[in-house]
N, C-alpha and C. Protein backbone atom coordinates (compact mmCIF):
# COMPACT_ATOMS: atom_id res chain seq x y z
N MET A 1 -9.18 0.72 -2.16
CA MET A 1 -8.55 1.82 -2.90
C MET A 1 -7.76 2.69 -1.93
N ARG A 2 -6.54 3.05 -2.32
CA ARG A 2 -5.72 3.86 -1.43
C ARG A 2 -6.30 5.26 -1.30
N LYS A 3 -6.32 5.78 -0.06
CA LYS A 3 -6.80 7.14 0.17
C LYS A 3 -5.60 8.06 0.21
N LEU A 4 -5.06 8.40 -0.97
CA LEU A 4 -3.85 9.21 -1.06
C LEU A 4 -4.20 10.60 -1.56
N LEU A 5 -3.61 11.60 -0.97
CA LEU A 5 -3.79 12.97 -1.44
C LEU A 5 -2.70 13.23 -2.45
N LEU A 6 -3.01 13.02 -3.74
CA LEU A 6 -1.99 13.07 -4.76
C LEU A 6 -2.09 14.29 -5.65
N SER A 7 -2.83 15.32 -5.22
CA SER A 7 -2.86 16.55 -6.00
C SER A 7 -1.63 17.38 -5.72
N PHE A 8 -0.85 16.99 -4.74
CA PHE A 8 0.44 17.59 -4.46
C PHE A 8 1.37 16.44 -4.14
N PRO A 9 2.73 16.70 -4.05
CA PRO A 9 3.66 15.60 -3.83
C PRO A 9 3.28 14.77 -2.61
N LEU A 10 3.37 13.46 -2.79
CA LEU A 10 3.02 12.52 -1.72
C LEU A 10 3.89 12.78 -0.50
N LEU A 11 3.22 12.98 0.65
CA LEU A 11 3.95 13.21 1.89
C LEU A 11 4.14 11.90 2.61
N LEU A 12 5.38 11.54 2.81
CA LEU A 12 5.70 10.34 3.57
C LEU A 12 6.46 10.75 4.82
N ILE A 13 6.79 9.75 5.66
CA ILE A 13 7.29 10.02 6.99
C ILE A 13 8.77 9.74 7.08
N ILE A 14 9.59 10.80 7.40
CA ILE A 14 11.03 10.65 7.33
C ILE A 14 11.73 11.31 8.52
N LEU A 15 12.73 10.71 9.11
CA LEU A 15 13.59 11.33 10.11
C LEU A 15 14.94 11.66 9.50
N SER A 16 15.46 10.72 8.71
CA SER A 16 16.73 10.94 8.04
C SER A 16 16.82 9.96 6.89
N ALA A 17 17.47 10.38 5.81
CA ALA A 17 17.61 9.47 4.69
C ALA A 17 18.63 8.42 5.07
N CYS A 18 18.38 7.17 4.69
CA CYS A 18 19.30 6.11 5.07
C CYS A 18 19.21 4.99 4.07
N ARG A 19 20.18 4.06 4.16
CA ARG A 19 20.17 2.85 3.37
C ARG A 19 20.23 1.68 4.31
N ASP A 20 19.41 0.65 4.04
CA ASP A 20 19.50 -0.52 4.89
C ASP A 20 20.58 -1.45 4.37
N GLN A 21 20.78 -2.59 5.02
CA GLN A 21 21.85 -3.48 4.65
C GLN A 21 21.65 -4.08 3.26
N ASN A 22 20.44 -4.04 2.72
CA ASN A 22 20.18 -4.54 1.39
C ASN A 22 20.38 -3.48 0.31
N GLY A 23 20.73 -2.26 0.70
CA GLY A 23 20.97 -1.20 -0.26
C GLY A 23 19.72 -0.44 -0.65
N ALA A 24 18.59 -0.75 -0.08
CA ALA A 24 17.34 -0.06 -0.42
C ALA A 24 17.09 1.04 0.60
N HIS A 25 16.52 2.14 0.15
CA HIS A 25 16.22 3.26 1.05
C HIS A 25 15.02 2.93 1.93
N GLU A 26 15.10 3.30 3.20
CA GLU A 26 13.94 3.15 4.08
C GLU A 26 13.25 4.50 4.20
N ILE A 27 11.94 4.49 4.32
CA ILE A 27 11.19 5.72 4.49
C ILE A 27 11.28 6.14 5.95
N PRO A 28 11.95 7.31 6.24
CA PRO A 28 12.04 7.78 7.61
C PRO A 28 10.73 8.39 8.11
N ARG A 29 10.79 9.23 9.19
CA ARG A 29 9.55 9.60 9.86
C ARG A 29 9.29 11.09 9.95
N GLU A 30 9.37 11.82 8.92
CA GLU A 30 9.07 13.24 8.86
C GLU A 30 8.53 13.51 7.46
N PRO A 31 7.65 14.48 7.27
CA PRO A 31 7.12 14.69 5.93
C PRO A 31 8.22 14.89 4.88
N TYR A 32 8.09 14.20 3.77
CA TYR A 32 9.07 14.27 2.69
C TYR A 32 8.38 13.97 1.36
N ALA A 33 8.62 14.81 0.38
CA ALA A 33 8.01 14.61 -0.93
C ALA A 33 8.90 13.70 -1.75
N VAL A 34 8.36 12.58 -2.22
CA VAL A 34 9.13 11.59 -2.97
C VAL A 34 8.84 11.75 -4.46
N ALA A 35 9.88 11.89 -5.25
CA ALA A 35 9.72 12.04 -6.70
C ALA A 35 9.37 10.70 -7.33
N SER A 36 8.63 10.74 -8.42
CA SER A 36 8.30 9.51 -9.14
C SER A 36 9.53 8.94 -9.85
N ILE A 37 10.34 9.82 -10.41
CA ILE A 37 11.54 9.42 -11.15
C ILE A 37 12.73 10.17 -10.58
N GLU A 38 13.83 9.44 -10.42
CA GLU A 38 15.07 10.06 -9.94
C GLU A 38 16.20 9.60 -10.83
N GLY A 39 16.72 10.53 -11.66
CA GLY A 39 17.73 10.12 -12.62
C GLY A 39 17.13 9.17 -13.63
N ASP A 40 17.78 8.01 -13.81
CA ASP A 40 17.22 7.01 -14.73
C ASP A 40 16.52 5.88 -13.99
N ALA A 41 16.19 6.11 -12.71
CA ALA A 41 15.50 5.10 -11.91
C ALA A 41 14.07 5.54 -11.61
N LEU A 42 13.19 4.56 -11.50
CA LEU A 42 11.82 4.77 -11.08
C LEU A 42 11.74 4.48 -9.59
N ASN A 43 11.15 5.39 -8.82
CA ASN A 43 11.01 5.16 -7.39
C ASN A 43 9.76 4.34 -7.09
N VAL A 44 9.90 3.37 -6.20
CA VAL A 44 8.77 2.54 -5.76
C VAL A 44 8.75 2.52 -4.24
N ILE A 45 7.57 2.72 -3.67
CA ILE A 45 7.38 2.58 -2.23
C ILE A 45 6.71 1.23 -2.00
N VAL A 46 7.41 0.35 -1.31
CA VAL A 46 6.92 -1.01 -1.10
C VAL A 46 5.87 -1.03 0.01
N GLU A 47 4.72 -1.58 -0.32
CA GLU A 47 3.66 -1.79 0.67
C GLU A 47 3.68 -3.24 1.17
N ILE A 48 3.78 -4.18 0.25
CA ILE A 48 3.67 -5.60 0.59
C ILE A 48 4.97 -6.31 0.25
N PRO A 49 5.69 -6.81 1.26
CA PRO A 49 6.94 -7.54 0.98
C PRO A 49 6.68 -8.83 0.22
N ALA A 50 7.63 -9.25 -0.58
CA ALA A 50 7.53 -10.54 -1.25
C ALA A 50 7.38 -11.65 -0.21
N GLY A 51 6.53 -12.62 -0.52
CA GLY A 51 6.40 -13.79 0.35
C GLY A 51 5.34 -13.71 1.42
N THR A 52 4.51 -12.65 1.42
CA THR A 52 3.43 -12.55 2.40
C THR A 52 2.08 -12.63 1.69
N ASN A 53 1.05 -13.05 2.41
CA ASN A 53 -0.31 -13.06 1.88
C ASN A 53 -1.14 -11.89 2.40
N HIS A 54 -0.58 -11.10 3.31
CA HIS A 54 -1.33 -10.01 3.92
C HIS A 54 -1.32 -8.77 3.02
N LYS A 55 -2.52 -8.25 2.79
CA LYS A 55 -2.68 -7.07 1.96
C LYS A 55 -2.40 -5.83 2.80
N ILE A 56 -1.38 -5.08 2.45
CA ILE A 56 -0.99 -3.87 3.17
C ILE A 56 -1.06 -2.70 2.21
N GLU A 57 -1.64 -1.59 2.66
CA GLU A 57 -1.74 -0.40 1.82
C GLU A 57 -1.31 0.84 2.59
N TYR A 58 -0.85 1.84 1.82
CA TYR A 58 -0.50 3.12 2.43
C TYR A 58 -1.72 4.04 2.39
N GLN A 59 -2.09 4.57 3.54
CA GLN A 59 -3.19 5.54 3.65
C GLN A 59 -2.59 6.85 4.14
N THR A 60 -2.99 7.94 3.52
CA THR A 60 -2.44 9.25 3.91
C THR A 60 -2.65 9.52 5.39
N GLU A 61 -3.84 9.16 5.90
CA GLU A 61 -4.18 9.50 7.28
C GLU A 61 -3.49 8.60 8.30
N THR A 62 -3.25 7.34 7.95
CA THR A 62 -2.78 6.37 8.95
C THR A 62 -1.45 5.73 8.62
N GLY A 63 -0.91 5.97 7.44
CA GLY A 63 0.34 5.33 7.05
C GLY A 63 0.09 3.92 6.54
N PHE A 64 1.03 3.01 6.78
CA PHE A 64 0.92 1.64 6.29
C PHE A 64 0.10 0.81 7.26
N SER A 65 -0.88 0.10 6.74
CA SER A 65 -1.71 -0.75 7.59
C SER A 65 -2.31 -1.86 6.76
N ASN A 66 -2.72 -2.93 7.45
CA ASN A 66 -3.41 -4.02 6.76
C ASN A 66 -4.73 -3.52 6.22
N ASP A 67 -4.99 -3.84 4.96
CA ASP A 67 -6.28 -3.52 4.37
C ASP A 67 -7.35 -4.37 5.07
N THR A 68 -8.55 -3.83 5.18
CA THR A 68 -9.62 -4.55 5.87
C THR A 68 -10.82 -4.74 4.96
N LEU A 69 -11.55 -5.78 5.23
CA LEU A 69 -12.77 -6.09 4.50
C LEU A 69 -13.95 -5.36 5.12
N LEU A 70 -15.11 -5.45 4.51
CA LEU A 70 -16.29 -4.76 5.01
C LEU A 70 -16.64 -5.22 6.42
N GLY A 71 -16.36 -6.19 6.99
CA GLY A 71 -16.68 -6.52 8.39
C GLY A 71 -15.58 -6.16 9.34
N GLY A 72 -14.48 -5.59 8.82
CA GLY A 72 -13.37 -5.22 9.69
C GLY A 72 -12.29 -6.27 9.75
N ALA A 73 -12.50 -7.42 9.09
CA ALA A 73 -11.50 -8.48 9.11
C ALA A 73 -10.30 -8.09 8.25
N THR A 74 -9.13 -8.53 8.66
CA THR A 74 -7.92 -8.26 7.90
C THR A 74 -7.96 -8.99 6.57
N ARG A 75 -7.59 -8.31 5.50
CA ARG A 75 -7.62 -8.93 4.19
C ARG A 75 -6.37 -9.78 3.98
N VAL A 76 -6.57 -11.05 3.69
CA VAL A 76 -5.48 -11.98 3.40
C VAL A 76 -5.75 -12.59 2.03
N ILE A 77 -4.75 -12.60 1.17
CA ILE A 77 -4.89 -13.15 -0.16
C ILE A 77 -5.08 -14.66 -0.06
N ASN A 78 -6.16 -15.18 -0.64
CA ASN A 78 -6.46 -16.61 -0.58
C ASN A 78 -5.82 -17.32 -1.78
N PHE A 79 -4.50 -17.20 -1.83
CA PHE A 79 -3.75 -17.79 -2.93
C PHE A 79 -2.29 -17.85 -2.49
N LEU A 80 -1.39 -18.13 -3.41
CA LEU A 80 0.03 -18.14 -3.08
C LEU A 80 0.49 -16.75 -2.65
N PRO A 81 1.55 -16.64 -1.84
CA PRO A 81 2.04 -15.33 -1.41
C PRO A 81 2.49 -14.47 -2.60
N TYR A 82 2.61 -13.18 -2.36
CA TYR A 82 3.07 -12.25 -3.39
C TYR A 82 4.43 -12.71 -3.94
N PRO A 83 4.57 -12.81 -5.27
CA PRO A 83 5.81 -13.30 -5.88
C PRO A 83 6.91 -12.26 -6.00
N GLY A 84 6.66 -11.07 -5.52
CA GLY A 84 7.64 -9.99 -5.54
C GLY A 84 7.21 -8.93 -4.55
N ASN A 85 7.99 -7.89 -4.42
CA ASN A 85 7.64 -6.78 -3.54
C ASN A 85 6.68 -5.86 -4.28
N TYR A 86 5.50 -5.64 -3.69
CA TYR A 86 4.42 -4.94 -4.37
C TYR A 86 4.25 -3.56 -3.76
N GLY A 87 4.19 -2.55 -4.60
CA GLY A 87 4.01 -1.19 -4.10
C GLY A 87 3.54 -0.26 -5.20
N PHE A 88 3.85 1.01 -5.06
CA PHE A 88 3.36 2.00 -6.01
C PHE A 88 4.41 3.06 -6.29
N VAL A 89 4.21 3.76 -7.39
CA VAL A 89 5.10 4.87 -7.76
C VAL A 89 4.56 6.14 -7.13
N PRO A 90 5.33 6.78 -6.24
CA PRO A 90 4.85 8.02 -5.62
C PRO A 90 4.65 9.10 -6.68
N ASN A 91 3.75 10.02 -6.38
CA ASN A 91 3.45 11.12 -7.29
C ASN A 91 2.92 10.65 -8.63
N THR A 92 2.15 9.55 -8.61
CA THR A 92 1.41 9.14 -9.81
C THR A 92 -0.05 8.92 -9.42
N LEU A 93 -0.92 9.11 -10.37
CA LEU A 93 -2.35 8.86 -10.17
C LEU A 93 -2.97 8.48 -11.50
N MET A 94 -3.54 7.27 -11.57
CA MET A 94 -4.20 6.81 -12.79
C MET A 94 -5.62 7.37 -12.79
N ASP A 95 -5.75 8.57 -13.29
CA ASP A 95 -7.00 9.34 -13.27
C ASP A 95 -8.12 8.59 -13.99
N LYS A 96 -9.24 8.41 -13.31
CA LYS A 96 -10.38 7.70 -13.91
C LYS A 96 -10.92 8.41 -15.14
N GLU A 97 -10.82 9.73 -15.16
CA GLU A 97 -11.33 10.48 -16.31
C GLU A 97 -10.51 10.22 -17.57
N ARG A 98 -9.30 9.67 -17.38
CA ARG A 98 -8.44 9.35 -18.52
C ARG A 98 -8.28 7.84 -18.69
N GLY A 99 -9.19 7.07 -18.08
CA GLY A 99 -9.18 5.63 -18.26
C GLY A 99 -8.44 4.85 -17.21
N GLY A 100 -8.00 5.51 -16.13
CA GLY A 100 -7.29 4.81 -15.06
C GLY A 100 -8.23 4.26 -14.01
N ASP A 101 -7.63 3.68 -12.95
CA ASP A 101 -8.45 3.07 -11.90
C ASP A 101 -8.54 3.93 -10.64
N GLY A 102 -7.97 5.15 -10.69
CA GLY A 102 -8.08 6.05 -9.55
C GLY A 102 -7.02 5.86 -8.49
N ASP A 103 -6.06 4.98 -8.74
CA ASP A 103 -4.98 4.71 -7.78
C ASP A 103 -3.63 5.11 -8.36
N PRO A 104 -2.59 5.18 -7.52
CA PRO A 104 -1.24 5.33 -8.05
C PRO A 104 -0.87 4.11 -8.89
N LEU A 105 0.16 4.25 -9.70
CA LEU A 105 0.61 3.18 -10.58
C LEU A 105 1.26 2.06 -9.77
N ASP A 106 0.80 0.83 -9.97
CA ASP A 106 1.29 -0.33 -9.22
C ASP A 106 2.56 -0.90 -9.84
N VAL A 107 3.42 -1.43 -8.97
CA VAL A 107 4.67 -2.03 -9.42
C VAL A 107 4.94 -3.31 -8.64
N LEU A 108 5.38 -4.35 -9.34
CA LEU A 108 5.89 -5.55 -8.71
C LEU A 108 7.39 -5.59 -8.95
N VAL A 109 8.17 -5.56 -7.87
CA VAL A 109 9.63 -5.56 -7.97
C VAL A 109 10.13 -6.97 -7.68
N ILE A 110 10.82 -7.55 -8.65
CA ILE A 110 11.33 -8.90 -8.51
C ILE A 110 12.69 -8.86 -7.83
N CYS A 111 12.71 -9.22 -6.57
CA CYS A 111 13.95 -9.31 -5.80
C CYS A 111 13.62 -9.94 -4.46
N GLU A 112 14.63 -10.12 -3.61
CA GLU A 112 14.37 -10.66 -2.28
C GLU A 112 13.47 -9.71 -1.50
N SER A 113 12.80 -10.24 -0.51
CA SER A 113 11.83 -9.47 0.27
C SER A 113 12.48 -8.29 0.97
N VAL A 114 11.81 -7.13 0.90
CA VAL A 114 12.25 -5.93 1.63
C VAL A 114 11.08 -5.47 2.50
N PRO A 115 11.34 -4.72 3.58
CA PRO A 115 10.27 -4.35 4.51
C PRO A 115 9.26 -3.37 3.91
N THR A 116 8.05 -3.41 4.45
CA THR A 116 7.04 -2.41 4.14
C THR A 116 7.59 -1.02 4.42
N GLY A 117 7.38 -0.08 3.51
CA GLY A 117 7.87 1.28 3.70
C GLY A 117 9.21 1.54 3.04
N THR A 118 9.80 0.53 2.43
CA THR A 118 11.08 0.72 1.75
C THR A 118 10.89 1.54 0.48
N LEU A 119 11.77 2.50 0.28
CA LEU A 119 11.82 3.26 -0.97
C LEU A 119 12.88 2.60 -1.84
N LEU A 120 12.44 2.02 -2.96
CA LEU A 120 13.33 1.19 -3.76
C LEU A 120 13.44 1.74 -5.18
N PRO A 121 14.62 2.24 -5.58
CA PRO A 121 14.81 2.66 -6.96
C PRO A 121 14.86 1.42 -7.87
N VAL A 122 14.10 1.44 -8.96
CA VAL A 122 13.99 0.25 -9.80
C VAL A 122 14.14 0.58 -11.27
N LYS A 123 14.27 -0.50 -12.06
CA LYS A 123 14.33 -0.41 -13.51
C LYS A 123 13.18 -1.23 -14.09
N PRO A 124 12.20 -0.61 -14.74
CA PRO A 124 11.10 -1.37 -15.35
C PRO A 124 11.61 -2.29 -16.46
N ILE A 125 11.09 -3.52 -16.51
CA ILE A 125 11.44 -4.44 -17.59
C ILE A 125 10.20 -4.90 -18.35
N GLY A 126 9.04 -4.39 -17.99
CA GLY A 126 7.82 -4.75 -18.69
C GLY A 126 6.59 -4.23 -18.00
N ALA A 127 5.45 -4.52 -18.58
CA ALA A 127 4.16 -4.11 -18.00
C ALA A 127 3.13 -5.19 -18.31
N LEU A 128 2.36 -5.54 -17.29
CA LEU A 128 1.28 -6.51 -17.44
C LEU A 128 -0.05 -5.76 -17.39
N LEU A 129 -0.82 -5.84 -18.45
CA LEU A 129 -2.11 -5.13 -18.53
C LEU A 129 -3.24 -6.11 -18.24
N LEU A 130 -4.04 -5.77 -17.24
CA LEU A 130 -5.15 -6.60 -16.80
C LEU A 130 -6.45 -5.80 -16.88
N ARG A 131 -7.57 -6.51 -16.87
CA ARG A 131 -8.87 -5.86 -16.72
C ARG A 131 -9.46 -6.34 -15.40
N ASP A 132 -9.71 -5.39 -14.50
CA ASP A 132 -10.22 -5.70 -13.16
C ASP A 132 -11.51 -4.92 -12.94
N ARG A 133 -12.62 -5.64 -12.81
CA ARG A 133 -13.94 -5.01 -12.63
C ARG A 133 -14.23 -3.98 -13.72
N GLY A 134 -13.86 -4.34 -14.94
CA GLY A 134 -14.15 -3.49 -16.08
C GLY A 134 -13.14 -2.39 -16.33
N GLU A 135 -12.16 -2.22 -15.43
CA GLU A 135 -11.17 -1.15 -15.57
C GLU A 135 -9.82 -1.75 -15.94
N ILE A 136 -9.05 -1.02 -16.75
CA ILE A 136 -7.70 -1.46 -17.09
C ILE A 136 -6.80 -1.23 -15.88
N ASP A 137 -6.10 -2.27 -15.49
CA ASP A 137 -5.23 -2.23 -14.30
C ASP A 137 -3.82 -2.62 -14.76
N THR A 138 -2.92 -1.65 -14.80
CA THR A 138 -1.57 -1.89 -15.29
C THR A 138 -0.62 -2.17 -14.13
N LYS A 139 0.16 -3.23 -14.25
CA LYS A 139 1.17 -3.58 -13.26
C LYS A 139 2.54 -3.45 -13.93
N ILE A 140 3.34 -2.52 -13.44
CA ILE A 140 4.71 -2.41 -13.93
C ILE A 140 5.53 -3.53 -13.28
N ILE A 141 6.31 -4.24 -14.08
CA ILE A 141 7.20 -5.28 -13.58
C ILE A 141 8.62 -4.72 -13.64
N ALA A 142 9.33 -4.81 -12.52
CA ALA A 142 10.62 -4.13 -12.44
C ALA A 142 11.64 -4.96 -11.65
N VAL A 143 12.90 -4.58 -11.80
CA VAL A 143 14.00 -5.14 -11.01
C VAL A 143 14.70 -3.98 -10.32
N PRO A 144 15.42 -4.22 -9.23
CA PRO A 144 16.13 -3.11 -8.56
C PRO A 144 17.12 -2.43 -9.50
N GLN A 145 17.23 -1.13 -9.37
CA GLN A 145 18.23 -0.39 -10.13
C GLN A 145 19.64 -0.86 -9.77
N ASP A 146 19.84 -1.15 -8.50
CA ASP A 146 21.12 -1.67 -8.02
C ASP A 146 21.24 -3.13 -8.43
N SER A 147 22.13 -3.43 -9.37
CA SER A 147 22.22 -4.79 -9.91
C SER A 147 22.61 -5.81 -8.85
N SER A 148 23.24 -5.39 -7.77
CA SER A 148 23.64 -6.33 -6.72
C SER A 148 22.43 -6.88 -5.95
N LEU A 149 21.26 -6.22 -6.10
CA LEU A 149 20.05 -6.67 -5.42
C LEU A 149 19.18 -7.58 -6.29
N ARG A 150 19.58 -7.77 -7.53
CA ARG A 150 18.74 -8.54 -8.45
C ARG A 150 18.91 -10.05 -8.24
N VAL A 151 17.84 -10.77 -8.52
CA VAL A 151 17.87 -12.23 -8.40
C VAL A 151 18.01 -12.90 -9.77
N PHE A 152 17.88 -12.12 -10.86
CA PHE A 152 18.20 -12.65 -12.18
C PHE A 152 18.66 -11.53 -13.10
N LYS A 153 19.15 -11.90 -14.29
CA LYS A 153 19.89 -10.98 -15.15
C LYS A 153 19.08 -10.11 -16.10
N PRO A 154 17.88 -10.48 -16.51
CA PRO A 154 17.19 -9.69 -17.55
C PRO A 154 17.13 -8.20 -17.25
N GLU A 155 17.45 -7.40 -18.29
CA GLU A 155 17.47 -5.95 -18.18
C GLU A 155 16.34 -5.31 -18.97
N ASN A 156 15.62 -6.12 -19.75
CA ASN A 156 14.53 -5.60 -20.57
C ASN A 156 13.52 -6.71 -20.81
N PHE A 157 12.43 -6.38 -21.49
CA PHE A 157 11.35 -7.35 -21.64
C PHE A 157 11.75 -8.52 -22.55
N LEU A 158 12.51 -8.25 -23.60
CA LEU A 158 12.93 -9.32 -24.50
C LEU A 158 13.75 -10.36 -23.74
N GLU A 159 14.72 -9.90 -22.95
CA GLU A 159 15.52 -10.83 -22.15
C GLU A 159 14.67 -11.55 -21.11
N PHE A 160 13.72 -10.83 -20.53
CA PHE A 160 12.82 -11.42 -19.54
C PHE A 160 12.00 -12.56 -20.17
N ALA A 161 11.44 -12.30 -21.36
CA ALA A 161 10.61 -13.30 -22.02
C ALA A 161 11.43 -14.49 -22.51
N LEU A 162 12.65 -14.24 -22.97
CA LEU A 162 13.47 -15.32 -23.51
C LEU A 162 14.18 -16.13 -22.43
N GLU A 163 14.71 -15.42 -21.41
CA GLU A 163 15.55 -16.09 -20.41
C GLU A 163 14.77 -16.52 -19.17
N GLN A 164 13.67 -15.84 -18.87
CA GLN A 164 12.91 -16.14 -17.65
C GLN A 164 11.42 -16.24 -17.96
N ASP A 165 11.09 -16.94 -19.04
CA ASP A 165 9.69 -17.03 -19.42
C ASP A 165 8.86 -17.74 -18.35
N ALA A 166 9.46 -18.69 -17.63
CA ALA A 166 8.73 -19.37 -16.56
C ALA A 166 8.35 -18.38 -15.47
N ALA A 167 9.27 -17.46 -15.13
CA ALA A 167 8.97 -16.44 -14.12
C ALA A 167 7.87 -15.51 -14.62
N ARG A 168 7.94 -15.14 -15.90
CA ARG A 168 6.90 -14.29 -16.48
C ARG A 168 5.54 -14.98 -16.40
N SER A 169 5.53 -16.26 -16.71
CA SER A 169 4.29 -17.03 -16.66
C SER A 169 3.74 -17.14 -15.24
N ILE A 170 4.63 -17.32 -14.26
CA ILE A 170 4.21 -17.40 -12.86
C ILE A 170 3.55 -16.09 -12.43
N ILE A 171 4.17 -14.97 -12.79
CA ILE A 171 3.63 -13.66 -12.42
C ILE A 171 2.26 -13.45 -13.06
N GLU A 172 2.14 -13.80 -14.33
CA GLU A 172 0.85 -13.68 -15.02
C GLU A 172 -0.21 -14.54 -14.34
N THR A 173 0.13 -15.80 -14.07
CA THR A 173 -0.82 -16.71 -13.41
C THR A 173 -1.23 -16.19 -12.04
N TRP A 174 -0.27 -15.64 -11.31
CA TRP A 174 -0.57 -15.14 -9.96
C TRP A 174 -1.59 -14.00 -10.02
N PHE A 175 -1.36 -13.04 -10.90
CA PHE A 175 -2.27 -11.90 -10.98
C PHE A 175 -3.65 -12.29 -11.52
N LEU A 176 -3.71 -13.37 -12.28
CA LEU A 176 -5.01 -13.81 -12.80
C LEU A 176 -5.80 -14.63 -11.78
N ASN A 177 -5.17 -14.97 -10.65
CA ASN A 177 -5.83 -15.84 -9.67
C ASN A 177 -5.88 -15.32 -8.24
N TYR A 178 -5.11 -14.27 -7.92
CA TYR A 178 -5.00 -13.88 -6.51
C TYR A 178 -6.30 -13.30 -5.95
N LYS A 179 -7.19 -12.84 -6.80
CA LYS A 179 -8.49 -12.35 -6.33
C LYS A 179 -9.58 -13.40 -6.47
N GLY A 180 -9.21 -14.57 -6.95
CA GLY A 180 -10.18 -15.64 -7.19
C GLY A 180 -10.30 -15.91 -8.67
N PRO A 181 -10.84 -17.06 -9.03
CA PRO A 181 -10.97 -17.43 -10.44
C PRO A 181 -11.83 -16.44 -11.22
N LYS A 182 -11.34 -16.05 -12.39
CA LYS A 182 -12.08 -15.24 -13.36
C LYS A 182 -12.46 -13.84 -12.84
N GLN A 183 -11.74 -13.37 -11.83
CA GLN A 183 -11.98 -12.01 -11.33
C GLN A 183 -11.15 -10.99 -12.11
N THR A 184 -10.04 -11.44 -12.66
CA THR A 184 -9.13 -10.57 -13.40
C THR A 184 -8.88 -11.18 -14.77
N GLU A 185 -8.84 -10.32 -15.78
CA GLU A 185 -8.69 -10.79 -17.16
C GLU A 185 -7.38 -10.27 -17.74
N LEU A 186 -6.65 -11.14 -18.43
CA LEU A 186 -5.42 -10.73 -19.09
C LEU A 186 -5.73 -9.95 -20.36
N ILE A 187 -5.12 -8.79 -20.51
CA ILE A 187 -5.21 -8.04 -21.77
C ILE A 187 -3.98 -8.35 -22.62
N ARG A 188 -2.79 -8.03 -22.11
CA ARG A 188 -1.56 -8.34 -22.84
C ARG A 188 -0.34 -7.94 -21.99
N TRP A 189 0.82 -8.36 -22.44
CA TRP A 189 2.09 -7.89 -21.91
C TRP A 189 2.64 -6.80 -22.81
N GLU A 190 3.40 -5.87 -22.22
CA GLU A 190 4.10 -4.84 -22.98
C GLU A 190 5.54 -4.75 -22.48
N ASP A 191 6.38 -4.05 -23.24
CA ASP A 191 7.81 -3.98 -22.89
C ASP A 191 8.12 -2.80 -22.00
N GLU A 192 9.43 -2.61 -21.74
CA GLU A 192 9.86 -1.55 -20.82
C GLU A 192 9.60 -0.15 -21.37
N THR A 193 9.60 0.00 -22.70
CA THR A 193 9.29 1.30 -23.29
C THR A 193 7.86 1.71 -22.97
N TYR A 194 6.95 0.76 -23.09
CA TYR A 194 5.55 1.01 -22.73
C TYR A 194 5.44 1.33 -21.24
N ALA A 195 6.20 0.60 -20.41
CA ALA A 195 6.14 0.82 -18.95
C ALA A 195 6.54 2.26 -18.62
N TRP A 196 7.62 2.74 -19.23
CA TRP A 196 8.04 4.12 -18.97
C TRP A 196 7.01 5.12 -19.49
N ARG A 197 6.38 4.79 -20.62
CA ARG A 197 5.34 5.68 -21.15
C ARG A 197 4.17 5.78 -20.18
N GLU A 198 3.81 4.65 -19.54
CA GLU A 198 2.74 4.67 -18.55
C GLU A 198 3.12 5.55 -17.35
N VAL A 199 4.36 5.43 -16.89
CA VAL A 199 4.81 6.25 -15.77
C VAL A 199 4.68 7.73 -16.11
N ARG A 200 5.16 8.11 -17.28
CA ARG A 200 5.12 9.52 -17.68
C ARG A 200 3.69 10.00 -17.91
N LYS A 201 2.83 9.10 -18.34
CA LYS A 201 1.43 9.46 -18.57
C LYS A 201 0.73 9.82 -17.27
N TRP A 202 1.02 9.10 -16.18
CA TRP A 202 0.28 9.24 -14.93
C TRP A 202 1.02 10.03 -13.86
N ARG A 203 2.27 10.44 -14.09
CA ARG A 203 3.00 11.15 -13.04
C ARG A 203 2.45 12.55 -12.83
N LEU A 204 2.55 13.02 -11.60
CA LEU A 204 2.03 14.34 -11.23
C LEU A 204 3.13 15.37 -11.03
N ASP A 205 4.38 14.93 -10.99
CA ASP A 205 5.48 15.83 -10.65
C ASP A 205 6.36 16.13 -11.85
N GLU A 206 5.81 16.02 -13.06
CA GLU A 206 6.60 16.30 -14.27
C GLU A 206 6.88 17.78 -14.39
């Protein structure tokens, strides 16, 4: 579980705002409060780049680091690599008292791999609802807001399901197996309207 101090805006490390060659913002190195929503884009801070098996999380005290198991060993996913860039929405907290899992809202961004610490404005196209250890675990599925960074055309859940159903199925299968067989249970898929409702439900900077 991420140890984030989310009762106030998430403090990240910044020296200067910049854009990398892929058009995604990099997190600099001085305290900076990141909004959950900017204009019509949802902000995502990438922890785990697409294509890696290493579990990386942001900790308030230490920044980005490999998650560790109870013996101190580095946590590596014993399955296929992450099928997208995995991170969280800053300034969100899925409060356990309201049925959440106590973490910021998770997002899988479908695009080419970007570095850990990238701040990526995205457009939600759906939400995957899972049950993990008895708790509802929602994964927002998104594409970059910048259309030049996208790897496919769908702009909403209907187009995603009709035009890229194989990709949707791969993502579902991955999340149902990355922790091991029968560790995670599928509840249902929802569309982009539901995804935005989840963001607004859990955001702290409204």
